[in-house]
Amino acid sequence: MSKEGDFDAVRKDIEAILKQKGYDDGHIGPVLVRLAWHASGTYCKDTDTGGSNGAGMRYEKEGGDPANAGLQHARVFVEPIKRKYPWITYSDLWTLAGVVAIRSMGGPDIPWKAGRSDFDDDSLLPPRGRLPDGSQAQDHLRHIFYRMGFNDQEIVALSGAHNLGRCHADRSGFEGAWVNNPTRFSNQYYKLLLKLKWQKKDLNREGAPWQWVATTPGMDEDDEPLMMLPTDYSLTQDAEFKKWVEKYAEDQDLFFDHFSKVFAKLVELGVYRDEDGVARFNNLTKGKYESAPPKSLTPGAPERRPAQVTHISTKARL
């Protein structure tokens, strides 16, 4: 039996599962980063709702959001760890997995604190539509990220997470990797945005009408081209955004420093801790560090559960 609160042991076990030959590029790190990102990126500073507390993707109301397509695989990848450490909350596990994955792929250390709670039902979950839409441009990025409390520099820094992973036609509609080595964290994303000759490629898919594609020197005709989302390319078409793209392309240390700070800020959105370090619900109700019980070891639809508005608990009965 694991010792409750031994997060160092959890970190080690997350590192041990990252390389998986049967998944994208032999590594699940990028999809775990996306899980942590999407679990946190629903926050709204004006209404003080959403954020990384609660692990709302366990419920269909959030997990079924089309913006979260494919993340059922990420959640299943960490289920064996949840079963080994049943005391850890899903909201802590998902955010910690993202932080560990970034460091394991060569990225910076990111400050992380435990204490998030798992919601008992979906009554406190935010509405859908709060996550970025890759088919849009810079105005959309500002709308989404300003709502969370980020500025232009932080928007460009967080966009650097696209150094990792790839898009899938059956999930977002977009397809391909942003960089040549999508399992190594670096500033290559910014360099490629500025240096390559990007061309529009029509996709004509729902939610993904087109994307940008380019090849790098040495690529064969049969090689898969690299891609950028319309939101990615828009960073080069806006003077305030572009100056940070250029800074990060020139200075990886600066990018790593800024990314570490802004990702730490991201996974803390919507988290309010008492003096004991345990997060409160909706910044009002005192919680206990009680995790939800484990879910299935195979991908499936999140639970459809009516909201129990008269009862708030940190222990989700799934």
C-alpha atoms as a PDB file:
ATOM      1  CA  MET A   1       0.000   0.000   0.000  1.00  0.00           C
ATOM      2  CA  SER A   2       1.364   3.400  -0.969  1.00  0.00           C
ATOM      3  CA  LYS A   3       2.025   6.022   1.662  1.00  0.00           C
ATOM      4  CA  GLU A   4      -0.583   8.761   1.470  1.00  0.00           C
ATOM      5  CA  GLY A   5       0.931  12.024   0.331  1.00  0.00           C
ATOM      6  CA  ASP A   6       4.023  10.470  -1.265  1.00  0.00           C
ATOM      7  CA  PHE A   7       3.899  12.579  -4.432  1.00  0.00           C
ATOM      8  CA  ASP A   8       7.538  11.802  -5.239  1.00  0.00           C
ATOM      9  CA  ALA A   9       6.548   8.170  -5.708  1.00  0.00           C
ATOM     10  CA  VAL A  10       3.684   9.249  -7.968  1.00  0.00           C
ATOM     11  CA  ARG A  11       6.084  11.351 -10.032  1.00  0.00           C
ATOM     12  CA  LYS A  12       8.395   8.378 -10.544  1.00  0.00           C
ATOM     13  CA  ASP A  13       5.559   6.151 -11.683  1.00  0.00           C
ATOM     14  CA  ILE A  14       4.334   8.800 -14.131  1.00  0.00           C
ATOM     15  CA  GLU A  15       7.829   8.984 -15.613  1.00  0.00           C
ATOM     16  CA  ALA A  16       7.877   5.194 -15.944  1.00  0.00           C
ATOM     17  CA  ILE A  17       4.784   5.039 -18.186  1.00  0.00           C
ATOM     18  CA  LEU A  18       5.632   7.881 -20.588  1.00  0.00           C
ATOM     19  CA  LYS A  19       7.302   5.813 -23.309  1.00  0.00           C
ATOM     20  CA  GLN A  20       4.671   3.634 -25.000  1.00  0.00           C
ATOM     21  CA  LYS A  21       5.450   2.235 -28.439  1.00  0.00           C
ATOM     22  CA  GLY A  22       1.833   1.813 -29.441  1.00  0.00           C
ATOM     23  CA  TYR A  23       0.947   5.491 -29.095  1.00  0.00           C
ATOM     24  CA  ASP A  24       1.879   8.657 -31.021  1.00  0.00           C
ATOM     25  CA  ASP A  25       5.634   8.803 -31.672  1.00  0.00           C
ATOM     26  CA  GLY A  26       6.097   6.208 -28.929  1.00  0.00           C
ATOM     27  CA  HIS A  27       5.344   8.641 -26.116  1.00  0.00           C
ATOM     28  CA  ILE A  28       2.247   9.666 -24.126  1.00  0.00           C
ATOM     29  CA  GLY A  29       3.846  12.780 -22.624  1.00  0.00           C
ATOM     30  CA  PRO A  30       2.265  15.231 -25.090  1.00  0.00           C
ATOM     31  CA  VAL A  31      -1.283  14.005 -24.501  1.00  0.00           C
ATOM     32  CA  LEU A  32      -0.748  14.205 -20.724  1.00  0.00           C
ATOM     33  CA  VAL A  33       0.316  17.830 -21.147  1.00  0.00           C
ATOM     34  CA  ARG A  34      -2.880  18.437 -23.116  1.00  0.00           C
ATOM     35  CA  LEU A  35      -4.884  16.758 -20.332  1.00  0.00           C
ATOM     36  CA  ALA A  36      -3.404  19.085 -17.704  1.00  0.00           C
ATOM     37  CA  TRP A  37      -3.907  22.082 -20.004  1.00  0.00           C
ATOM     38  CA  HIS A  38      -7.548  21.358 -20.827  1.00  0.00           C
ATOM     39  CA  ALA A  39      -8.370  20.434 -17.224  1.00  0.00           C
ATOM     40  CA  SER A  40      -7.221  23.921 -16.229  1.00  0.00           C
ATOM     41  CA  GLY A  41      -8.081  26.129 -19.208  1.00  0.00           C
ATOM     42  CA  THR A  42     -11.803  26.472 -18.490  1.00  0.00           C
ATOM     43  CA  TYR A  43     -11.248  29.180 -15.892  1.00  0.00           C
ATOM     44  CA  CYS A  44     -13.043  32.540 -16.018  1.00  0.00           C
ATOM     45  CA  LYS A  45     -11.725  35.301 -13.761  1.00  0.00           C
ATOM     46  CA  ASP A  46     -14.931  37.345 -14.011  1.00  0.00           C
ATOM     47  CA  THR A  47     -17.221  34.591 -12.734  1.00  0.00           C
ATOM     48  CA  ASP A  48     -14.512  32.742 -10.792  1.00  0.00           C
ATOM     49  CA  THR A  49     -15.593  29.422 -12.279  1.00  0.00           C
ATOM     50  CA  GLY A  50     -13.747  26.585 -13.985  1.00  0.00           C
ATOM     51  CA  GLY A  51     -10.072  25.754 -13.606  1.00  0.00           C
ATOM     52  CA  SER A  52      -8.084  22.713 -12.511  1.00  0.00           C
ATOM     53  CA  ASN A  53     -10.036  21.957  -9.336  1.00  0.00           C
ATOM     54  CA  GLY A  54     -12.688  19.252  -9.517  1.00  0.00           C
ATOM     55  CA  ALA A  55     -11.488  16.982 -12.352  1.00  0.00           C
ATOM     56  CA  GLY A  56     -14.654  17.752 -14.303  1.00  0.00           C
ATOM     57  CA  MET A  57     -13.716  15.671 -17.339  1.00  0.00           C
ATOM     58  CA  ARG A  58     -14.949  12.641 -15.420  1.00  0.00           C
ATOM     59  CA  TYR A  59     -18.426  13.897 -16.309  1.00  0.00           C
ATOM     60  CA  GLU A  60     -19.939  14.135 -19.772  1.00  0.00           C
ATOM     61  CA  LYS A  61     -20.739  17.816 -19.304  1.00  0.00           C
ATOM     62  CA  GLU A  62     -17.011  18.614 -19.569  1.00  0.00           C
ATOM     63  CA  GLY A  63     -15.413  15.407 -20.819  1.00  0.00           C
ATOM     64  CA  GLY A  64     -17.829  15.294 -23.755  1.00  0.00           C
ATOM     65  CA  ASP A  65     -16.849  18.755 -24.974  1.00  0.00           C
ATOM     66  CA  PRO A  66     -15.581  18.308 -28.568  1.00  0.00           C
ATOM     67  CA  ALA A  67     -12.515  20.345 -27.579  1.00  0.00           C
ATOM     68  CA  ASN A  68     -11.565  17.441 -25.285  1.00  0.00           C
ATOM     69  CA  ALA A  69     -11.795  14.752 -27.977  1.00  0.00           C
ATOM     70  CA  GLY A  70      -9.074  12.151 -27.521  1.00  0.00           C
ATOM     71  CA  LEU A  71      -8.364  12.971 -23.893  1.00  0.00           C
ATOM     72  CA  GLN A  72     -10.164   9.814 -22.795  1.00  0.00           C
ATOM     73  CA  HIS A  73      -6.937   8.060 -23.820  1.00  0.00           C
ATOM     74  CA  ALA A  74      -4.865  10.326 -21.577  1.00  0.00           C
ATOM     75  CA  ARG A  75      -7.165   9.713 -18.640  1.00  0.00           C
ATOM     76  CA  VAL A  76      -6.939   5.951 -19.135  1.00  0.00           C
ATOM     77  CA  PHE A  77      -3.141   6.060 -19.390  1.00  0.00           C
ATOM     78  CA  VAL A  78      -2.924   7.340 -15.800  1.00  0.00           C
ATOM     79  CA  GLU A  79      -5.577   5.008 -14.371  1.00  0.00           C
ATOM     80  CA  PRO A  80      -3.029   2.363 -13.260  1.00  0.00           C
ATOM     81  CA  ILE A  81      -1.305   5.085 -11.239  1.00  0.00           C
ATOM     82  CA  LYS A  82      -4.625   6.107  -9.718  1.00  0.00           C
ATOM     83  CA  ARG A  83      -5.227   2.494  -8.690  1.00  0.00           C
ATOM     84  CA  LYS A  84      -1.776   2.200  -7.154  1.00  0.00           C
ATOM     85  CA  TYR A  85      -2.235   5.508  -5.297  1.00  0.00           C
ATOM     86  CA  PRO A  86      -5.998   5.646  -4.615  1.00  0.00           C
ATOM     87  CA  TRP A  87      -5.550   8.561  -2.208  1.00  0.00           C
ATOM     88  CA  ILE A  88      -4.518  11.034  -4.930  1.00  0.00           C
ATOM     89  CA  THR A  89      -7.287  13.151  -6.425  1.00  0.00           C
ATOM     90  CA  TYR A  90      -7.796  13.089 -10.169  1.00  0.00           C
ATOM     91  CA  SER A  91      -7.359  16.841 -10.325  1.00  0.00           C
ATOM     92  CA  ASP A  92      -3.936  16.532  -8.696  1.00  0.00           C
ATOM     93  CA  LEU A  93      -2.976  13.496 -10.782  1.00  0.00           C
ATOM     94  CA  TRP A  94      -3.869  15.085 -14.127  1.00  0.00           C
ATOM     95  CA  THR A  95      -2.029  18.337 -13.454  1.00  0.00           C
ATOM     96  CA  LEU A  96       0.988  16.573 -11.957  1.00  0.00           C
ATOM     97  CA  ALA A  97       1.162  14.244 -14.966  1.00  0.00           C
ATOM     98  CA  GLY A  98       1.441  17.238 -17.287  1.00  0.00           C
ATOM     99  CA  VAL A  99       4.176  18.857 -15.204  1.00  0.00           C
ATOM    100  CA  VAL A 100       6.172  15.617 -14.980  1.00  0.00           C
ATOM    101  CA  ALA A 101       5.781  14.945 -18.704  1.00  0.00           C
ATOM    102  CA  ILE A 102       7.148  18.369 -19.661  1.00  0.00           C
ATOM    103  CA  ARG A 103      10.238  17.912 -17.507  1.00  0.00           C
ATOM    104  CA  SER A 104      10.791  14.356 -18.747  1.00  0.00           C
ATOM    105  CA  MET A 105      10.731  15.561 -22.350  1.00  0.00           C
ATOM    106  CA  GLY A 106      13.508  18.058 -21.730  1.00  0.00           C
ATOM    107  CA  GLY A 107      11.408  21.000 -20.603  1.00  0.00           C
ATOM    108  CA  PRO A 108      11.746  23.183 -17.509  1.00  0.00           C
ATOM    109  CA  ASP A 109      10.879  22.322 -13.940  1.00  0.00           C
ATOM    110  CA  ILE A 110       7.418  23.673 -13.183  1.00  0.00           C
ATOM    111  CA  PRO A 111       6.288  24.509  -9.643  1.00  0.00           C
ATOM    112  CA  TRP A 112       3.342  22.339  -8.604  1.00  0.00           C
ATOM    113  CA  LYS A 113       1.333  22.115  -5.389  1.00  0.00           C
ATOM    114  CA  ALA A 114      -1.058  19.376  -4.295  1.00  0.00           C
ATOM    115  CA  GLY A 115      -4.449  19.835  -2.664  1.00  0.00           C
ATOM    116  CA  ARG A 116      -7.024  19.930  -5.483  1.00  0.00           C
ATOM    117  CA  SER A 117     -10.358  18.228  -4.871  1.00  0.00           C
ATOM    118  CA  ASP A 118     -12.578  15.988  -6.993  1.00  0.00           C
ATOM    119  CA  PHE A 119     -16.121  17.249  -7.470  1.00  0.00           C
ATOM    120  CA  ASP A 120     -18.937  14.997  -6.321  1.00  0.00           C
ATOM    121  CA  ASP A 121     -21.166  15.898  -9.289  1.00  0.00           C
ATOM    122  CA  ASP A 122     -21.261  18.223 -12.282  1.00  0.00           C
ATOM    123  CA  SER A 123     -23.104  21.123 -10.643  1.00  0.00           C
ATOM    124  CA  LEU A 124     -19.966  23.297 -10.424  1.00  0.00           C
ATOM    125  CA  LEU A 125     -18.666  22.606 -13.921  1.00  0.00           C
ATOM    126  CA  PRO A 126     -18.289  25.520 -16.360  1.00  0.00           C
ATOM    127  CA  PRO A 127     -20.161  25.726 -19.674  1.00  0.00           C
ATOM    128  CA  ARG A 128     -18.561  24.381 -22.817  1.00  0.00           C
ATOM    129  CA  GLY A 129     -16.835  26.680 -25.280  1.00  0.00           C
ATOM    130  CA  ARG A 130     -14.108  28.036 -23.023  1.00  0.00           C
ATOM    131  CA  LEU A 131     -11.163  26.214 -24.600  1.00  0.00           C
ATOM    132  CA  PRO A 132      -9.237  27.581 -27.605  1.00  0.00           C
ATOM    133  CA  ASP A 133     -10.517  26.883 -31.121  1.00  0.00           C
ATOM    134  CA  GLY A 134      -7.537  26.257 -33.399  1.00  0.00           C
ATOM    135  CA  SER A 135      -9.425  27.384 -36.497  1.00  0.00           C
ATOM    136  CA  GLN A 136      -9.608  30.989 -35.249  1.00  0.00           C
ATOM    137  CA  ALA A 137      -7.100  33.870 -35.101  1.00  0.00           C
ATOM    138  CA  GLN A 138      -5.543  36.377 -32.704  1.00  0.00           C
ATOM    139  CA  ASP A 139      -8.788  38.052 -31.574  1.00  0.00           C
ATOM    140  CA  HIS A 140     -10.088  34.677 -30.459  1.00  0.00           C
ATOM    141  CA  LEU A 141      -6.864  33.911 -28.591  1.00  0.00           C
ATOM    142  CA  ARG A 142      -7.127  37.166 -26.670  1.00  0.00           C
ATOM    143  CA  HIS A 143     -10.789  36.535 -25.878  1.00  0.00           C
ATOM    144  CA  ILE A 144     -10.030  33.062 -24.492  1.00  0.00           C
ATOM    145  CA  PHE A 145      -6.836  33.860 -22.618  1.00  0.00           C
ATOM    146  CA  TYR A 146      -7.769  37.279 -21.280  1.00  0.00           C
ATOM    147  CA  ARG A 147     -10.817  35.602 -19.735  1.00  0.00           C
ATOM    148  CA  MET A 148      -8.412  33.404 -17.740  1.00  0.00           C
ATOM    149  CA  GLY A 149      -6.266  36.371 -16.713  1.00  0.00           C
ATOM    150  CA  PHE A 150      -3.324  35.965 -19.110  1.00  0.00           C
ATOM    151  CA  ASN A 151      -1.592  38.733 -21.071  1.00  0.00           C
ATOM    152  CA  ASP A 152      -0.118  38.721 -24.592  1.00  0.00           C
ATOM    153  CA  GLN A 153       3.311  37.499 -23.495  1.00  0.00           C
ATOM    154  CA  GLU A 154       1.750  34.638 -21.535  1.00  0.00           C
ATOM    155  CA  ILE A 155      -0.451  33.685 -24.502  1.00  0.00           C
ATOM    156  CA  VAL A 156       2.610  33.270 -26.724  1.00  0.00           C
ATOM    157  CA  ALA A 157       4.513  31.379 -24.022  1.00  0.00           C
ATOM    158  CA  LEU A 158       1.658  28.925 -23.428  1.00  0.00           C
ATOM    159  CA  SER A 159       1.332  28.417 -27.187  1.00  0.00           C
ATOM    160  CA  GLY A 160       4.824  26.916 -26.990  1.00  0.00           C
ATOM    161  CA  ALA A 161       3.225  23.744 -25.647  1.00  0.00           C
ATOM    162  CA  HIS A 162       2.726  23.005 -29.349  1.00  0.00           C
ATOM    163  CA  ASN A 163       6.373  21.989 -29.384  1.00  0.00           C
ATOM    164  CA  LEU A 164       4.839  18.697 -28.260  1.00  0.00           C
ATOM    165  CA  GLY A 165       2.513  16.186 -29.846  1.00  0.00           C
ATOM    166  CA  ARG A 166       0.391  16.192 -32.956  1.00  0.00           C
ATOM    167  CA  CYS A 167      -3.151  16.772 -34.177  1.00  0.00           C
ATOM    168  CA  HIS A 168      -5.488  13.968 -35.269  1.00  0.00           C
ATOM    169  CA  ALA A 169      -8.109  14.180 -37.986  1.00  0.00           C
ATOM    170  CA  ASP A 170     -10.531  12.063 -35.955  1.00  0.00           C
ATOM    171  CA  ARG A 171     -10.275  14.388 -32.953  1.00  0.00           C
ATOM    172  CA  SER A 172      -9.788  18.039 -33.840  1.00  0.00           C
ATOM    173  CA  GLY A 173     -10.029  17.652 -37.615  1.00  0.00           C
ATOM    174  CA  PHE A 174      -6.476  18.959 -38.000  1.00  0.00           C
ATOM    175  CA  GLU A 175      -3.654  16.532 -38.715  1.00  0.00           C
ATOM    176  CA  GLY A 176       0.095  16.345 -38.202  1.00  0.00           C
ATOM    177  CA  ALA A 177       2.891  17.456 -35.873  1.00  0.00           C
ATOM    178  CA  TRP A 178       4.051  21.019 -35.326  1.00  0.00           C
ATOM    179  CA  VAL A 179       7.768  20.182 -35.117  1.00  0.00           C
ATOM    180  CA  ASN A 180      10.171  17.487 -36.313  1.00  0.00           C
ATOM    181  CA  ASN A 181      10.636  15.943 -32.870  1.00  0.00           C
ATOM    182  CA  PRO A 182       7.253  16.176 -31.102  1.00  0.00           C
ATOM    183  CA  THR A 183       8.433  14.441 -27.926  1.00  0.00           C
ATOM    184  CA  ARG A 184      11.250  16.872 -27.101  1.00  0.00           C
ATOM    185  CA  PHE A 185      10.389  20.177 -25.461  1.00  0.00           C
ATOM    186  CA  SER A 186      12.250  23.091 -27.045  1.00  0.00           C
ATOM    187  CA  ASN A 187      11.756  26.465 -28.735  1.00  0.00           C
ATOM    188  CA  GLN A 188      11.641  24.879 -32.201  1.00  0.00           C
ATOM    189  CA  TYR A 189       7.972  25.771 -32.576  1.00  0.00           C
ATOM    190  CA  TYR A 190       8.815  29.489 -32.663  1.00  0.00           C
ATOM    191  CA  LYS A 191      11.773  29.019 -34.994  1.00  0.00           C
ATOM    192  CA  LEU A 192       9.680  27.095 -37.492  1.00  0.00           C
ATOM    193  CA  LEU A 193       6.859  29.634 -37.360  1.00  0.00           C
ATOM    194  CA  LEU A 194       9.300  32.307 -38.500  1.00  0.00           C
ATOM    195  CA  LYS A 195      11.586  30.400 -40.859  1.00  0.00           C
ATOM    196  CA  LEU A 196       9.461  28.010 -42.914  1.00  0.00           C
ATOM    197  CA  LYS A 197       7.349  28.868 -45.923  1.00  0.00           C
ATOM    198  CA  TRP A 198       3.864  28.063 -44.716  1.00  0.00           C
ATOM    199  CA  GLN A 199       1.111  27.325 -47.214  1.00  0.00           C
ATOM    200  CA  LYS A 200      -2.604  26.878 -46.733  1.00  0.00           C
ATOM    201  CA  LYS A 201      -3.982  23.371 -47.094  1.00  0.00           C
ATOM    202  CA  ASP A 202      -7.732  22.940 -47.416  1.00  0.00           C
ATOM    203  CA  LEU A 203      -9.171  20.255 -45.166  1.00  0.00           C
ATOM    204  CA  ASN A 204     -12.909  20.922 -45.478  1.00  0.00           C
ATOM    205  CA  ARG A 205     -13.612  19.192 -42.194  1.00  0.00           C
ATOM    206  CA  GLU A 206     -16.064  20.276 -39.546  1.00  0.00           C
ATOM    207  CA  GLY A 207     -14.223  22.612 -37.197  1.00  0.00           C
ATOM    208  CA  ALA A 208     -11.079  22.429 -39.321  1.00  0.00           C
ATOM    209  CA  PRO A 209     -11.609  24.036 -42.731  1.00  0.00           C
ATOM    210  CA  TRP A 210      -7.876  24.447 -43.386  1.00  0.00           C
ATOM    211  CA  GLN A 211      -4.418  24.449 -41.788  1.00  0.00           C
ATOM    212  CA  TRP A 212      -0.915  25.643 -42.604  1.00  0.00           C
ATOM    213  CA  VAL A 213       1.681  23.127 -43.847  1.00  0.00           C
ATOM    214  CA  ALA A 214       5.390  23.303 -44.645  1.00  0.00           C
ATOM    215  CA  THR A 215       8.379  21.055 -45.194  1.00  0.00           C
ATOM    216  CA  THR A 216      11.862  21.347 -43.761  1.00  0.00           C
ATOM    217  CA  PRO A 217      15.133  20.880 -45.678  1.00  0.00           C
ATOM    218  CA  GLY A 218      15.928  17.216 -46.115  1.00  0.00           C
ATOM    219  CA  MET A 219      12.326  16.039 -46.127  1.00  0.00           C
ATOM    220  CA  ASP A 220      11.305  13.625 -48.884  1.00  0.00           C
ATOM    221  CA  GLU A 221       8.172  14.138 -50.932  1.00  0.00           C
ATOM    222  CA  ASP A 222       6.513  11.252 -49.131  1.00  0.00           C
ATOM    223  CA  ASP A 223       7.290  12.626 -45.666  1.00  0.00           C
ATOM    224  CA  GLU A 224       4.423  14.064 -43.655  1.00  0.00           C
ATOM    225  CA  PRO A 225       4.674  17.864 -43.718  1.00  0.00           C
ATOM    226  CA  LEU A 226       4.690  19.852 -40.526  1.00  0.00           C
ATOM    227  CA  MET A 227       1.583  21.801 -39.670  1.00  0.00           C
ATOM    228  CA  MET A 228       0.415  24.911 -37.865  1.00  0.00           C
ATOM    229  CA  LEU A 229      -3.086  25.773 -36.774  1.00  0.00           C
ATOM    230  CA  PRO A 230      -4.619  29.059 -37.894  1.00  0.00           C
ATOM    231  CA  THR A 231      -4.218  30.251 -34.284  1.00  0.00           C
ATOM    232  CA  ASP A 232      -0.514  29.341 -34.361  1.00  0.00           C
ATOM    233  CA  TYR A 233       0.149  31.239 -37.564  1.00  0.00           C
ATOM    234  CA  SER A 234      -1.790  34.239 -36.281  1.00  0.00           C
ATOM    235  CA  LEU A 235       0.949  34.772 -33.697  1.00  0.00           C
ATOM    236  CA  THR A 236       3.176  35.954 -36.548  1.00  0.00           C
ATOM    237  CA  GLN A 237       0.516  38.301 -37.931  1.00  0.00           C
ATOM    238  CA  ASP A 238       0.084  40.405 -34.802  1.00  0.00           C
ATOM    239  CA  ALA A 239       2.817  42.839 -33.765  1.00  0.00           C
ATOM    240  CA  GLU A 240       2.447  42.266 -30.005  1.00  0.00           C
ATOM    241  CA  PHE A 241       2.399  38.501 -30.377  1.00  0.00           C
ATOM    242  CA  LYS A 242       5.174  38.371 -32.976  1.00  0.00           C
ATOM    243  CA  LYS A 243       7.706  40.190 -30.835  1.00  0.00           C
ATOM    244  CA  TRP A 244       7.441  37.386 -28.277  1.00  0.00           C
ATOM    245  CA  VAL A 245       7.616  34.712 -30.976  1.00  0.00           C
ATOM    246  CA  GLU A 246      10.892  36.302 -32.073  1.00  0.00           C
ATOM    247  CA  LYS A 247      12.243  36.547 -28.518  1.00  0.00           C
ATOM    248  CA  TYR A 248      11.491  32.899 -27.796  1.00  0.00           C
ATOM    249  CA  ALA A 249      12.900  31.752 -31.149  1.00  0.00           C
ATOM    250  CA  GLU A 250      16.170  33.472 -30.275  1.00  0.00           C
ATOM    251  CA  ASP A 251      16.415  32.559 -26.590  1.00  0.00           C
ATOM    252  CA  GLN A 252      15.332  29.111 -25.379  1.00  0.00           C
ATOM    253  CA  ASP A 253      16.323  29.892 -21.785  1.00  0.00           C
ATOM    254  CA  LEU A 254      13.964  32.864 -21.778  1.00  0.00           C
ATOM    255  CA  PHE A 255      11.176  30.733 -23.200  1.00  0.00           C
ATOM    256  CA  PHE A 256      11.730  27.977 -20.621  1.00  0.00           C
ATOM    257  CA  ASP A 257      11.677  30.523 -17.791  1.00  0.00           C
ATOM    258  CA  HIS A 258       8.482  32.165 -19.003  1.00  0.00           C
ATOM    259  CA  PHE A 259       6.798  28.850 -19.837  1.00  0.00           C
ATOM    260  CA  SER A 260       7.534  27.431 -16.388  1.00  0.00           C
ATOM    261  CA  LYS A 261       5.916  30.436 -14.729  1.00  0.00           C
ATOM    262  CA  VAL A 262       2.852  30.576 -16.952  1.00  0.00           C
ATOM    263  CA  PHE A 263       2.162  26.823 -16.905  1.00  0.00           C
ATOM    264  CA  ALA A 264       2.392  26.886 -13.107  1.00  0.00           C
ATOM    265  CA  LYS A 265      -0.140  29.733 -13.186  1.00  0.00           C
ATOM    266  CA  LEU A 266      -2.383  27.765 -15.556  1.00  0.00           C
ATOM    267  CA  VAL A 267      -2.663  24.660 -13.364  1.00  0.00           C
ATOM    268  CA  GLU A 268      -3.457  26.835 -10.336  1.00  0.00           C
ATOM    269  CA  LEU A 269      -6.427  28.572 -11.951  1.00  0.00           C
ATOM    270  CA  GLY A 270      -9.562  28.210  -9.864  1.00  0.00           C
ATOM    271  CA  VAL A 271      -7.704  26.688  -6.904  1.00  0.00           C
ATOM    272  CA  TYR A 272      -8.167  28.316  -3.489  1.00  0.00           C
ATOM    273  CA  ARG A 273      -6.483  26.543  -0.607  1.00  0.00           C
ATOM    274  CA  ASP A 274      -7.191  26.662   3.097  1.00  0.00           C
ATOM    275  CA  GLU A 275      -4.379  26.912   5.627  1.00  0.00           C
ATOM    276  CA  ASP A 276      -4.019  23.121   5.396  1.00  0.00           C
ATOM    277  CA  GLY A 277      -3.338  23.330   1.651  1.00  0.00           C
ATOM    278  CA  VAL A 278      -6.596  21.671   0.588  1.00  0.00           C
ATOM    279  CA  ALA A 279      -8.587  23.438  -2.111  1.00  0.00           C
ATOM    280  CA  ARG A 280     -12.045  24.826  -1.436  1.00  0.00           C
ATOM    281  CA  PHE A 281     -15.055  24.371  -3.678  1.00  0.00           C
ATOM    282  CA  ASN A 282     -16.097  27.489  -5.568  1.00  0.00           C
ATOM    283  CA  ASN A 283     -13.889  29.474  -3.157  1.00  0.00           C
ATOM    284  CA  LEU A 284     -16.481  29.041  -0.410  1.00  0.00           C
ATOM    285  CA  THR A 285     -17.003  25.517   0.861  1.00  0.00           C
ATOM    286  CA  LYS A 286     -14.201  23.950   2.883  1.00  0.00           C
ATOM    287  CA  GLY A 287     -13.047  20.663   1.414  1.00  0.00           C
ATOM    288  CA  LYS A 288     -11.238  17.528   2.463  1.00  0.00           C
ATOM    289  CA  TYR A 289      -8.507  15.752   0.539  1.00  0.00           C
ATOM    290  CA  GLU A 290     -10.650  12.794  -0.494  1.00  0.00           C
ATOM    291  CA  SER A 291     -10.177  11.440  -3.978  1.00  0.00           C
ATOM    292  CA  ALA A 292     -12.772  10.016  -6.314  1.00  0.00           C
ATOM    293  CA  PRO A 293     -12.590   6.231  -6.714  1.00  0.00           C
ATOM    294  CA  PRO A 294     -10.819   4.810  -9.789  1.00  0.00           C
ATOM    295  CA  LYS A 295     -12.597   4.612 -13.118  1.00  0.00           C
ATOM    296  CA  SER A 296     -12.295   2.161 -16.021  1.00  0.00           C
ATOM    297  CA  LEU A 297      -8.977   1.052 -17.495  1.00  0.00           C
ATOM    298  CA  THR A 298     -10.410   1.314 -21.016  1.00  0.00           C
ATOM    299  CA  PRO A 299     -11.481   4.459 -22.906  1.00  0.00           C
ATOM    300  CA  GLY A 300     -15.161   5.283 -22.759  1.00  0.00           C
ATOM    301  CA  ALA A 301     -17.660   8.098 -22.544  1.00  0.00           C
ATOM    302  CA  PRO A 302     -17.595  10.205 -19.364  1.00  0.00           C
ATOM    303  CA  GLU A 303     -20.420   9.692 -16.894  1.00  0.00           C
ATOM    304  CA  ARG A 304     -23.724  11.455 -17.398  1.00  0.00           C
ATOM    305  CA  ARG A 305     -24.762  12.451 -13.905  1.00  0.00           C
ATOM    306  CA  PRO A 306     -27.457  14.934 -12.893  1.00  0.00           C
ATOM    307  CA  ALA A 307     -26.213  17.757 -10.723  1.00  0.00           C
ATOM    308  CA  GLN A 308     -26.727  17.287  -6.983  1.00  0.00           C
ATOM    309  CA  VAL A 309     -26.920  20.956  -6.120  1.00  0.00           C
ATOM    310  CA  THR A 310     -27.883  20.349  -2.512  1.00  0.00           C
ATOM    311  CA  HIS A 311     -24.701  18.402  -1.695  1.00  0.00           C
ATOM    312  CA  ILE A 312     -21.060  19.280  -2.147  1.00  0.00           C
ATOM    313  CA  SER A 313     -18.329  16.829  -1.265  1.00  0.00           C
ATOM    314  CA  THR A 314     -14.797  16.140  -2.357  1.00  0.00           C
ATOM    315  CA  LYS A 315     -15.502  12.445  -2.680  1.00  0.00           C
ATOM    316  CA  ALA A 316     -16.986  11.624  -6.081  1.00  0.00           C
ATOM    317  CA  ARG A 317     -19.161   8.525  -6.069  1.00  0.00           C
ATOM    318  CA  LEU A 318     -18.687   7.245  -9.602  1.00  0.00           C
END
